Amino acid sequence: MWTLLLMGAVLAGAVAQMDEDYVSLWRDLESNRRPPADREFVFARVRFRDNRSGFGAFGGFGGFGGKPGWAHDYPNAEQHILQVASEATGINLRKDSYVIVDLESEEVFKYPFLYFSEVGTMNLTDREIANLREHFNRGGFAMVDDFEGARALDWFQGQMRRVFPDREFVEMTLEHPVFHTFYEIPTLDVTPAYGVNSPPKFYGYFDERGRLLMILNHNNDIGDFWEWIDQPRFPLQPSTEALRFGVNYFLYSLTH
């Protein structure tokens, strides 16, 4: 009896948070929310077109919690990982140092760190292709999260061949500096946020000089760990490890 009541309370709390997050998303989009102007780092979540319903499923209420895939875990994932980075590092940022940016807008060039969620249905336009190519050529860095399976990986690889036709995803090894930039990551054999058919893998997307342009968290959802870090939804160890990956990605984007 008490177990059922507890489960009901946890579920009700999760639903309430999803409703609040949904309102936050649409309020921030409507107001064109801006990040603080006096901070050196901004977490830029990218809105892009996909092959389901135009602008990131904006034609309907697709996606978990009524949000389109590109917006999954918003804004709690941003706020929690930025709070940790603020407390643990010397980066000049705050927990509200985040923004939503359209990939087709030139505003994307203001933000060296881009975050993509659910790219398995991404359907890039010519303008988005040109902007992403220019972003990388200017020294930008991107993190790709929350997608799983060979089909999604192949689809996204096809999209990225339209950006740079001669570049392929490369499976990362633990020796790469991105895993040692701030925290020492001990292993890439990590626990995913939810059940997947294959183990999580980390893939890199490099330029001709070997610079890492983009890291892909395949068969995983690091942002989900960030979102729920303040609630007992996931075990502590993989949750804290996801935070360490995020902080390392931030530092890498600022120093390389």
C-alpha atoms as a PDB file:
ATOM      1  CA  MET A   1       0.000   0.000   0.000  1.00  0.00           C
ATOM      2  CA  TRP A   2       2.683   2.465   1.052  1.00  0.00           C
ATOM      3  CA  THR A   3       4.808   1.462  -1.953  1.00  0.00           C
ATOM      4  CA  LEU A   4       1.931   2.239  -4.305  1.00  0.00           C
ATOM      5  CA  LEU A   5       1.349   5.599  -2.625  1.00  0.00           C
ATOM      6  CA  LEU A   6       5.041   6.446  -2.908  1.00  0.00           C
ATOM      7  CA  MET A   7       5.117   5.451  -6.566  1.00  0.00           C
ATOM      8  CA  GLY A   8       2.047   7.568  -7.182  1.00  0.00           C
ATOM      9  CA  ALA A   9       3.628  10.567  -5.499  1.00  0.00           C
ATOM     10  CA  VAL A  10       6.838  10.185  -7.524  1.00  0.00           C
ATOM     11  CA  LEU A  11       4.852   9.884 -10.758  1.00  0.00           C
ATOM     12  CA  ALA A  12       2.737  12.910  -9.904  1.00  0.00           C
ATOM     13  CA  GLY A  13       5.879  14.922  -9.201  1.00  0.00           C
ATOM     14  CA  ALA A  14       7.413  13.885 -12.512  1.00  0.00           C
ATOM     15  CA  VAL A  15       4.264  14.829 -14.438  1.00  0.00           C
ATOM     16  CA  ALA A  16       4.108  18.189 -12.660  1.00  0.00           C
ATOM     17  CA  GLN A  17       7.743  18.879 -13.597  1.00  0.00           C
ATOM     18  CA  MET A  18       7.096  17.957 -17.235  1.00  0.00           C
ATOM     19  CA  ASP A  19       4.158  20.357 -17.353  1.00  0.00           C
ATOM     20  CA  GLU A  20       6.276  23.130 -15.844  1.00  0.00           C
ATOM     21  CA  ASP A  21       9.141  22.422 -18.258  1.00  0.00           C
ATOM     22  CA  TYR A  22       6.759  22.514 -21.209  1.00  0.00           C
ATOM     23  CA  VAL A  23       5.490  25.932 -20.140  1.00  0.00           C
ATOM     24  CA  SER A  24       9.073  27.149 -19.664  1.00  0.00           C
ATOM     25  CA  LEU A  25       9.997  26.044 -23.179  1.00  0.00           C
ATOM     26  CA  TRP A  26       7.166  27.856 -24.903  1.00  0.00           C
ATOM     27  CA  ARG A  27       7.519  30.938 -22.715  1.00  0.00           C
ATOM     28  CA  ASP A  28      11.232  31.163 -23.532  1.00  0.00           C
ATOM     29  CA  LEU A  29      10.576  30.704 -27.239  1.00  0.00           C
ATOM     30  CA  GLU A  30       7.843  33.329 -27.248  1.00  0.00           C
ATOM     31  CA  SER A  31       9.985  35.877 -25.405  1.00  0.00           C
ATOM     32  CA  ASN A  32      13.184  35.019 -27.337  1.00  0.00           C
ATOM     33  CA  ARG A  33      14.927  34.528 -23.998  1.00  0.00           C
ATOM     34  CA  ARG A  34      18.519  35.858 -23.855  1.00  0.00           C
ATOM     35  CA  PRO A  35      21.373  34.542 -21.681  1.00  0.00           C
ATOM     36  CA  PRO A  36      23.334  36.835 -19.352  1.00  0.00           C
ATOM     37  CA  ALA A  37      25.510  39.205 -21.378  1.00  0.00           C
ATOM     38  CA  ASP A  38      28.456  39.215 -18.955  1.00  0.00           C
ATOM     39  CA  ARG A  39      29.336  35.499 -19.016  1.00  0.00           C
ATOM     40  CA  GLU A  40      32.099  33.817 -21.021  1.00  0.00           C
ATOM     41  CA  PHE A  41      30.222  30.558 -21.606  1.00  0.00           C
ATOM     42  CA  VAL A  42      26.695  30.022 -22.914  1.00  0.00           C
ATOM     43  CA  PHE A  43      25.011  26.643 -23.321  1.00  0.00           C
ATOM     44  CA  ALA A  44      23.298  26.916 -26.733  1.00  0.00           C
ATOM     45  CA  ARG A  45      20.542  24.370 -27.369  1.00  0.00           C
ATOM     46  CA  VAL A  46      19.904  24.060 -31.098  1.00  0.00           C
ATOM     47  CA  ARG A  47      16.481  24.055 -32.695  1.00  0.00           C
ATOM     48  CA  PHE A  48      16.529  22.381 -36.110  1.00  0.00           C
ATOM     49  CA  ARG A  49      14.165  20.965 -38.703  1.00  0.00           C
ATOM     50  CA  ASP A  50      13.420  17.249 -38.738  1.00  0.00           C
ATOM     51  CA  ASN A  51      11.636  14.807 -41.034  1.00  0.00           C
ATOM     52  CA  ARG A  52       8.516  14.449 -38.895  1.00  0.00           C
ATOM     53  CA  SER A  53       6.860  17.826 -38.806  1.00  0.00           C
ATOM     54  CA  GLY A  54       8.978  20.656 -40.092  1.00  0.00           C
ATOM     55  CA  PHE A  55      10.654  22.758 -37.419  1.00  0.00           C
ATOM     56  CA  GLY A  56      11.508  20.164 -34.810  1.00  0.00           C
ATOM     57  CA  ALA A  57       7.977  18.703 -34.733  1.00  0.00           C
ATOM     58  CA  PHE A  58       6.537  22.151 -34.058  1.00  0.00           C
ATOM     59  CA  GLY A  59       3.526  21.272 -36.154  1.00  0.00           C
ATOM     60  CA  GLY A  60       2.221  19.053 -33.382  1.00  0.00           C
ATOM     61  CA  PHE A  61       2.831  17.955 -29.829  1.00  0.00           C
ATOM     62  CA  GLY A  62       5.291  15.224 -30.596  1.00  0.00           C
ATOM     63  CA  GLY A  63       8.065  14.219 -28.266  1.00  0.00           C
ATOM     64  CA  PHE A  64       8.319  13.222 -24.640  1.00  0.00           C
ATOM     65  CA  GLY A  65       6.225  15.397 -22.368  1.00  0.00           C
ATOM     66  CA  GLY A  66       4.723  17.204 -25.352  1.00  0.00           C
ATOM     67  CA  LYS A  67       8.102  18.737 -26.289  1.00  0.00           C
ATOM     68  CA  PRO A  68       9.839  18.254 -29.647  1.00  0.00           C
ATOM     69  CA  GLY A  69      12.924  16.048 -29.634  1.00  0.00           C
ATOM     70  CA  TRP A  70      15.407  18.904 -29.912  1.00  0.00           C
ATOM     71  CA  ALA A  71      14.023  20.312 -26.618  1.00  0.00           C
ATOM     72  CA  HIS A  72      14.081  17.158 -24.494  1.00  0.00           C
ATOM     73  CA  ASP A  73      15.231  17.769 -20.895  1.00  0.00           C
ATOM     74  CA  TYR A  74      14.943  21.570 -21.277  1.00  0.00           C
ATOM     75  CA  PRO A  75      15.490  23.643 -19.161  1.00  0.00           C
ATOM     76  CA  ASN A  76      16.446  21.582 -16.096  1.00  0.00           C
ATOM     77  CA  ALA A  77      19.313  19.839 -17.867  1.00  0.00           C
ATOM     78  CA  GLU A  78      20.837  23.224 -18.698  1.00  0.00           C
ATOM     79  CA  GLN A  79      20.319  24.676 -15.244  1.00  0.00           C
ATOM     80  CA  HIS A  80      21.711  21.675 -13.370  1.00  0.00           C
ATOM     81  CA  ILE A  81      24.854  21.103 -15.443  1.00  0.00           C
ATOM     82  CA  LEU A  82      25.607  24.844 -15.501  1.00  0.00           C
ATOM     83  CA  GLN A  83      25.196  25.030 -11.728  1.00  0.00           C
ATOM     84  CA  VAL A  84      27.684  22.192 -11.292  1.00  0.00           C
ATOM     85  CA  ALA A  85      30.127  23.784 -13.742  1.00  0.00           C
ATOM     86  CA  SER A  86      29.801  27.115 -11.931  1.00  0.00           C
ATOM     87  CA  GLU A  87      30.630  25.564  -8.569  1.00  0.00           C
ATOM     88  CA  ALA A  88      33.349  23.169  -9.744  1.00  0.00           C
ATOM     89  CA  THR A  89      35.314  25.234 -12.273  1.00  0.00           C
ATOM     90  CA  GLY A  90      36.570  28.738 -12.842  1.00  0.00           C
ATOM     91  CA  ILE A  91      34.374  29.292 -15.897  1.00  0.00           C
ATOM     92  CA  ASN A  92      32.512  32.585 -15.744  1.00  0.00           C
ATOM     93  CA  LEU A  93      28.923  31.365 -16.028  1.00  0.00           C
ATOM     94  CA  ARG A  94      25.661  31.048 -14.098  1.00  0.00           C
ATOM     95  CA  LYS A  95      22.913  28.447 -14.051  1.00  0.00           C
ATOM     96  CA  ASP A  96      20.897  30.666 -16.409  1.00  0.00           C
ATOM     97  CA  SER A  97      23.709  30.934 -18.986  1.00  0.00           C
ATOM     98  CA  TYR A  98      21.736  29.127 -21.679  1.00  0.00           C
ATOM     99  CA  VAL A  99      19.810  29.986 -24.811  1.00  0.00           C
ATOM    100  CA  ILE A 100      17.783  28.362 -27.602  1.00  0.00           C
ATOM    101  CA  VAL A 101      19.242  29.139 -31.012  1.00  0.00           C
ATOM    102  CA  ASP A 102      17.908  28.292 -34.475  1.00  0.00           C
ATOM    103  CA  LEU A 103      20.436  26.481 -36.637  1.00  0.00           C
ATOM    104  CA  GLU A 104      19.259  28.440 -39.659  1.00  0.00           C
ATOM    105  CA  SER A 105      19.991  31.782 -37.942  1.00  0.00           C
ATOM    106  CA  GLU A 106      23.338  33.595 -38.052  1.00  0.00           C
ATOM    107  CA  GLU A 107      22.945  33.978 -34.292  1.00  0.00           C
ATOM    108  CA  VAL A 108      24.353  30.458 -34.033  1.00  0.00           C
ATOM    109  CA  PHE A 109      27.834  31.924 -34.620  1.00  0.00           C
ATOM    110  CA  LYS A 110      27.682  33.719 -31.272  1.00  0.00           C
ATOM    111  CA  TYR A 111      27.886  30.437 -29.378  1.00  0.00           C
ATOM    112  CA  PRO A 112      31.008  28.207 -29.628  1.00  0.00           C
ATOM    113  CA  PHE A 113      29.243  25.354 -27.762  1.00  0.00           C
ATOM    114  CA  LEU A 114      26.154  23.834 -29.409  1.00  0.00           C
ATOM    115  CA  TYR A 115      23.935  21.106 -27.931  1.00  0.00           C
ATOM    116  CA  PHE A 116      21.855  18.848 -30.194  1.00  0.00           C
ATOM    117  CA  SER A 117      19.180  16.460 -28.894  1.00  0.00           C
ATOM    118  CA  GLU A 118      17.463  13.677 -30.877  1.00  0.00           C
ATOM    119  CA  VAL A 119      19.261  14.037 -34.198  1.00  0.00           C
ATOM    120  CA  GLY A 120      17.923  10.716 -35.472  1.00  0.00           C
ATOM    121  CA  THR A 121      15.212  12.586 -37.381  1.00  0.00           C
ATOM    122  CA  MET A 122      17.208  15.708 -38.276  1.00  0.00           C
ATOM    123  CA  ASN A 123      16.526  16.922 -41.813  1.00  0.00           C
ATOM    124  CA  LEU A 124      18.934  19.772 -42.519  1.00  0.00           C
ATOM    125  CA  THR A 125      18.053  22.557 -44.925  1.00  0.00           C
ATOM    126  CA  ASP A 126      20.658  24.134 -47.188  1.00  0.00           C
ATOM    127  CA  ARG A 127      20.839  27.134 -44.846  1.00  0.00           C
ATOM    128  CA  GLU A 128      21.336  24.929 -41.783  1.00  0.00           C
ATOM    129  CA  ILE A 129      24.058  22.961 -43.603  1.00  0.00           C
ATOM    130  CA  ALA A 130      25.906  26.151 -44.501  1.00  0.00           C
ATOM    131  CA  ASN A 131      25.632  27.519 -40.952  1.00  0.00           C
ATOM    132  CA  LEU A 132      26.821  24.305 -39.317  1.00  0.00           C
ATOM    133  CA  ARG A 133      29.769  24.051 -41.716  1.00  0.00           C
ATOM    134  CA  GLU A 134      30.728  27.668 -41.016  1.00  0.00           C
ATOM    135  CA  HIS A 135      30.307  27.181 -37.267  1.00  0.00           C
ATOM    136  CA  PHE A 136      32.816  24.345 -37.293  1.00  0.00           C
ATOM    137  CA  ASN A 137      35.176  26.220 -39.624  1.00  0.00           C
ATOM    138  CA  ARG A 138      35.197  29.114 -37.147  1.00  0.00           C
ATOM    139  CA  GLY A 139      36.316  26.786 -34.359  1.00  0.00           C
ATOM    140  CA  GLY A 140      32.960  25.810 -32.865  1.00  0.00           C
ATOM    141  CA  PHE A 141      32.227  22.619 -30.938  1.00  0.00           C
ATOM    142  CA  ALA A 142      29.033  20.563 -30.667  1.00  0.00           C
ATOM    143  CA  MET A 143      27.667  17.873 -28.380  1.00  0.00           C
ATOM    144  CA  VAL A 144      25.087  15.421 -29.741  1.00  0.00           C
ATOM    145  CA  ASP A 145      22.908  13.547 -27.262  1.00  0.00           C
ATOM    146  CA  ASP A 146      19.731  11.518 -26.775  1.00  0.00           C
ATOM    147  CA  PHE A 147      19.660   9.228 -29.800  1.00  0.00           C
ATOM    148  CA  GLU A 148      19.993   5.484 -30.138  1.00  0.00           C
ATOM    149  CA  GLY A 149      20.233   2.629 -32.584  1.00  0.00           C
ATOM    150  CA  ALA A 150      22.082   2.022 -35.847  1.00  0.00           C
ATOM    151  CA  ARG A 151      19.327   3.577 -37.921  1.00  0.00           C
ATOM    152  CA  ALA A 152      19.504   6.929 -36.114  1.00  0.00           C
ATOM    153  CA  LEU A 153      23.307   6.905 -36.267  1.00  0.00           C
ATOM    154  CA  ASP A 154      23.308   6.163 -40.007  1.00  0.00           C
ATOM    155  CA  TRP A 155      20.710   8.847 -40.667  1.00  0.00           C
ATOM    156  CA  PHE A 156      22.688  11.468 -38.790  1.00  0.00           C
ATOM    157  CA  GLN A 157      25.904  10.403 -40.529  1.00  0.00           C
ATOM    158  CA  GLY A 158      24.103  10.972 -43.820  1.00  0.00           C
ATOM    159  CA  GLN A 159      23.102  14.457 -42.709  1.00  0.00           C
ATOM    160  CA  MET A 160      26.661  15.279 -41.690  1.00  0.00           C
ATOM    161  CA  ARG A 161      27.991  14.096 -45.073  1.00  0.00           C
ATOM    162  CA  ARG A 162      26.003  16.989 -46.493  1.00  0.00           C
ATOM    163  CA  VAL A 163      28.035  19.311 -44.243  1.00  0.00           C
ATOM    164  CA  PHE A 164      31.449  17.752 -44.955  1.00  0.00           C
ATOM    165  CA  PRO A 165      31.177  14.940 -47.560  1.00  0.00           C
ATOM    166  CA  ASP A 166      34.589  13.431 -46.780  1.00  0.00           C
ATOM    167  CA  ARG A 167      34.261  13.124 -42.992  1.00  0.00           C
ATOM    168  CA  GLU A 168      33.022  10.131 -41.006  1.00  0.00           C
ATOM    169  CA  PHE A 169      32.225   9.471 -37.357  1.00  0.00           C
ATOM    170  CA  VAL A 170      35.069   7.792 -35.482  1.00  0.00           C
ATOM    171  CA  GLU A 171      34.580   5.775 -32.305  1.00  0.00           C
ATOM    172  CA  MET A 172      36.377   7.528 -29.461  1.00  0.00           C
ATOM    173  CA  THR A 173      38.902   5.954 -27.130  1.00  0.00           C
ATOM    174  CA  LEU A 174      39.608   6.894 -23.539  1.00  0.00           C
ATOM    175  CA  GLU A 175      42.977   8.404 -24.500  1.00  0.00           C
ATOM    176  CA  HIS A 176      41.434  11.468 -26.127  1.00  0.00           C
ATOM    177  CA  PRO A 177      41.999  14.735 -24.186  1.00  0.00           C
ATOM    178  CA  VAL A 178      38.267  15.526 -24.036  1.00  0.00           C
ATOM    179  CA  PHE A 179      37.954  12.846 -21.355  1.00  0.00           C
ATOM    180  CA  HIS A 180      40.732  14.370 -19.249  1.00  0.00           C
ATOM    181  CA  THR A 181      40.217  18.112 -19.680  1.00  0.00           C
ATOM    182  CA  PHE A 182      38.940  18.706 -16.135  1.00  0.00           C
ATOM    183  CA  TYR A 183      37.789  15.409 -14.662  1.00  0.00           C
ATOM    184  CA  GLU A 184      39.633  12.156 -15.253  1.00  0.00           C
ATOM    185  CA  ILE A 185      37.046   9.895 -16.857  1.00  0.00           C
ATOM    186  CA  PRO A 186      38.001   6.323 -15.848  1.00  0.00           C
ATOM    187  CA  THR A 187      36.048   4.386 -18.482  1.00  0.00           C
ATOM    188  CA  LEU A 188      33.787   4.788 -21.496  1.00  0.00           C
ATOM    189  CA  ASP A 189      31.797   1.712 -20.494  1.00  0.00           C
ATOM    190  CA  VAL A 190      28.935   3.719 -19.031  1.00  0.00           C
ATOM    191  CA  THR A 191      25.375   2.971 -17.956  1.00  0.00           C
ATOM    192  CA  PRO A 192      22.706   4.528 -20.209  1.00  0.00           C
ATOM    193  CA  ALA A 193      19.855   6.584 -18.823  1.00  0.00           C
ATOM    194  CA  TYR A 194      17.309   4.060 -20.074  1.00  0.00           C
ATOM    195  CA  GLY A 195      17.216   0.641 -21.694  1.00  0.00           C
ATOM    196  CA  VAL A 196      18.875   0.421 -25.105  1.00  0.00           C
ATOM    197  CA  ASN A 197      19.555  -2.554 -27.363  1.00  0.00           C
ATOM    198  CA  SER A 198      23.285  -1.811 -27.649  1.00  0.00           C
ATOM    199  CA  PRO A 199      25.816  -0.357 -25.199  1.00  0.00           C
ATOM    200  CA  PRO A 200      26.553   3.384 -25.236  1.00  0.00           C
ATOM    201  CA  LYS A 201      29.331   4.526 -27.557  1.00  0.00           C
ATOM    202  CA  PHE A 202      31.141   7.831 -27.967  1.00  0.00           C
ATOM    203  CA  TYR A 203      31.846   8.987 -31.494  1.00  0.00           C
ATOM    204  CA  GLY A 204      33.944  11.921 -32.663  1.00  0.00           C
ATOM    205  CA  TYR A 205      33.686  14.104 -35.756  1.00  0.00           C
ATOM    206  CA  PHE A 206      37.081  15.570 -36.685  1.00  0.00           C
ATOM    207  CA  ASP A 207      38.449  18.094 -39.142  1.00  0.00           C
ATOM    208  CA  GLU A 208      41.364  17.486 -41.512  1.00  0.00           C
ATOM    209  CA  ARG A 209      43.849  18.526 -38.802  1.00  0.00           C
ATOM    210  CA  GLY A 210      42.444  16.096 -36.254  1.00  0.00           C
ATOM    211  CA  ARG A 211      40.587  18.692 -34.171  1.00  0.00           C
ATOM    212  CA  LEU A 212      37.476  17.314 -32.503  1.00  0.00           C
ATOM    213  CA  LEU A 213      34.499  19.298 -33.807  1.00  0.00           C
ATOM    214  CA  MET A 214      31.674  17.274 -32.319  1.00  0.00           C
ATOM    215  CA  ILE A 215      31.172  14.489 -29.818  1.00  0.00           C
ATOM    216  CA  LEU A 216      28.248  12.094 -30.027  1.00  0.00           C
ATOM    217  CA  ASN A 217      26.775  10.294 -27.009  1.00  0.00           C
ATOM    218  CA  HIS A 218      25.197   7.423 -28.927  1.00  0.00           C
ATOM    219  CA  ASN A 219      22.813   4.978 -27.222  1.00  0.00           C
ATOM    220  CA  ASN A 220      22.694   7.319 -24.261  1.00  0.00           C
ATOM    221  CA  ASP A 221      20.994  10.435 -22.929  1.00  0.00           C
ATOM    222  CA  ILE A 222      23.409  12.370 -20.755  1.00  0.00           C
ATOM    223  CA  GLY A 223      20.970  15.278 -20.656  1.00  0.00           C
ATOM    224  CA  ASP A 224      18.424  13.025 -18.959  1.00  0.00           C
ATOM    225  CA  PHE A 225      20.871  12.412 -16.116  1.00  0.00           C
ATOM    226  CA  TRP A 226      21.433  16.164 -15.844  1.00  0.00           C
ATOM    227  CA  GLU A 227      17.712  16.882 -15.792  1.00  0.00           C
ATOM    228  CA  TRP A 228      16.952  14.537 -12.908  1.00  0.00           C
ATOM    229  CA  ILE A 229      20.142  14.882 -10.859  1.00  0.00           C
ATOM    230  CA  ASP A 230      18.220  16.545  -8.008  1.00  0.00           C
ATOM    231  CA  GLN A 231      15.689  13.697  -7.772  1.00  0.00           C
ATOM    232  CA  PRO A 232      16.158   9.962  -7.088  1.00  0.00           C
ATOM    233  CA  ARG A 233      15.229   8.844 -10.580  1.00  0.00           C
ATOM    234  CA  PHE A 234      18.594   7.379 -11.604  1.00  0.00           C
ATOM    235  CA  PRO A 235      21.436   5.774  -9.613  1.00  0.00           C
ATOM    236  CA  LEU A 236      23.989   8.223  -8.264  1.00  0.00           C
ATOM    237  CA  GLN A 237      27.109   6.840  -9.957  1.00  0.00           C
ATOM    238  CA  PRO A 238      26.037   7.169 -13.624  1.00  0.00           C
ATOM    239  CA  SER A 239      24.347  10.487 -12.823  1.00  0.00           C
ATOM    240  CA  THR A 240      27.514  12.052 -11.411  1.00  0.00           C
ATOM    241  CA  GLU A 241      29.563  10.559 -14.243  1.00  0.00           C
ATOM    242  CA  ALA A 242      27.255  12.271 -16.756  1.00  0.00           C
ATOM    243  CA  LEU A 243      27.937  15.585 -15.017  1.00  0.00           C
ATOM    244  CA  ARG A 244      31.687  14.995 -15.343  1.00  0.00           C
ATOM    245  CA  PHE A 245      31.348  14.348 -19.074  1.00  0.00           C
ATOM    246  CA  GLY A 246      29.416  17.579 -19.451  1.00  0.00           C
ATOM    247  CA  VAL A 247      31.939  19.702 -17.582  1.00  0.00           C
ATOM    248  CA  ASN A 248      34.763  18.184 -19.640  1.00  0.00           C
ATOM    249  CA  TYR A 249      32.921  19.016 -22.864  1.00  0.00           C
ATOM    250  CA  PHE A 250      32.504  22.621 -21.706  1.00  0.00           C
ATOM    251  CA  LEU A 251      36.198  23.020 -20.903  1.00  0.00           C
ATOM    252  CA  TYR A 252      37.240  21.362 -24.131  1.00  0.00           C
ATOM    253  CA  SER A 253      35.079  23.712 -26.180  1.00  0.00           C
ATOM    254  CA  LEU A 254      36.689  26.697 -24.469  1.00  0.00           C
ATOM    255  CA  THR A 255      40.307  25.537 -24.725  1.00  0.00           C
ATOM    256  CA  HIS A 256      40.550  23.833 -28.119  1.00  0.00           C
END
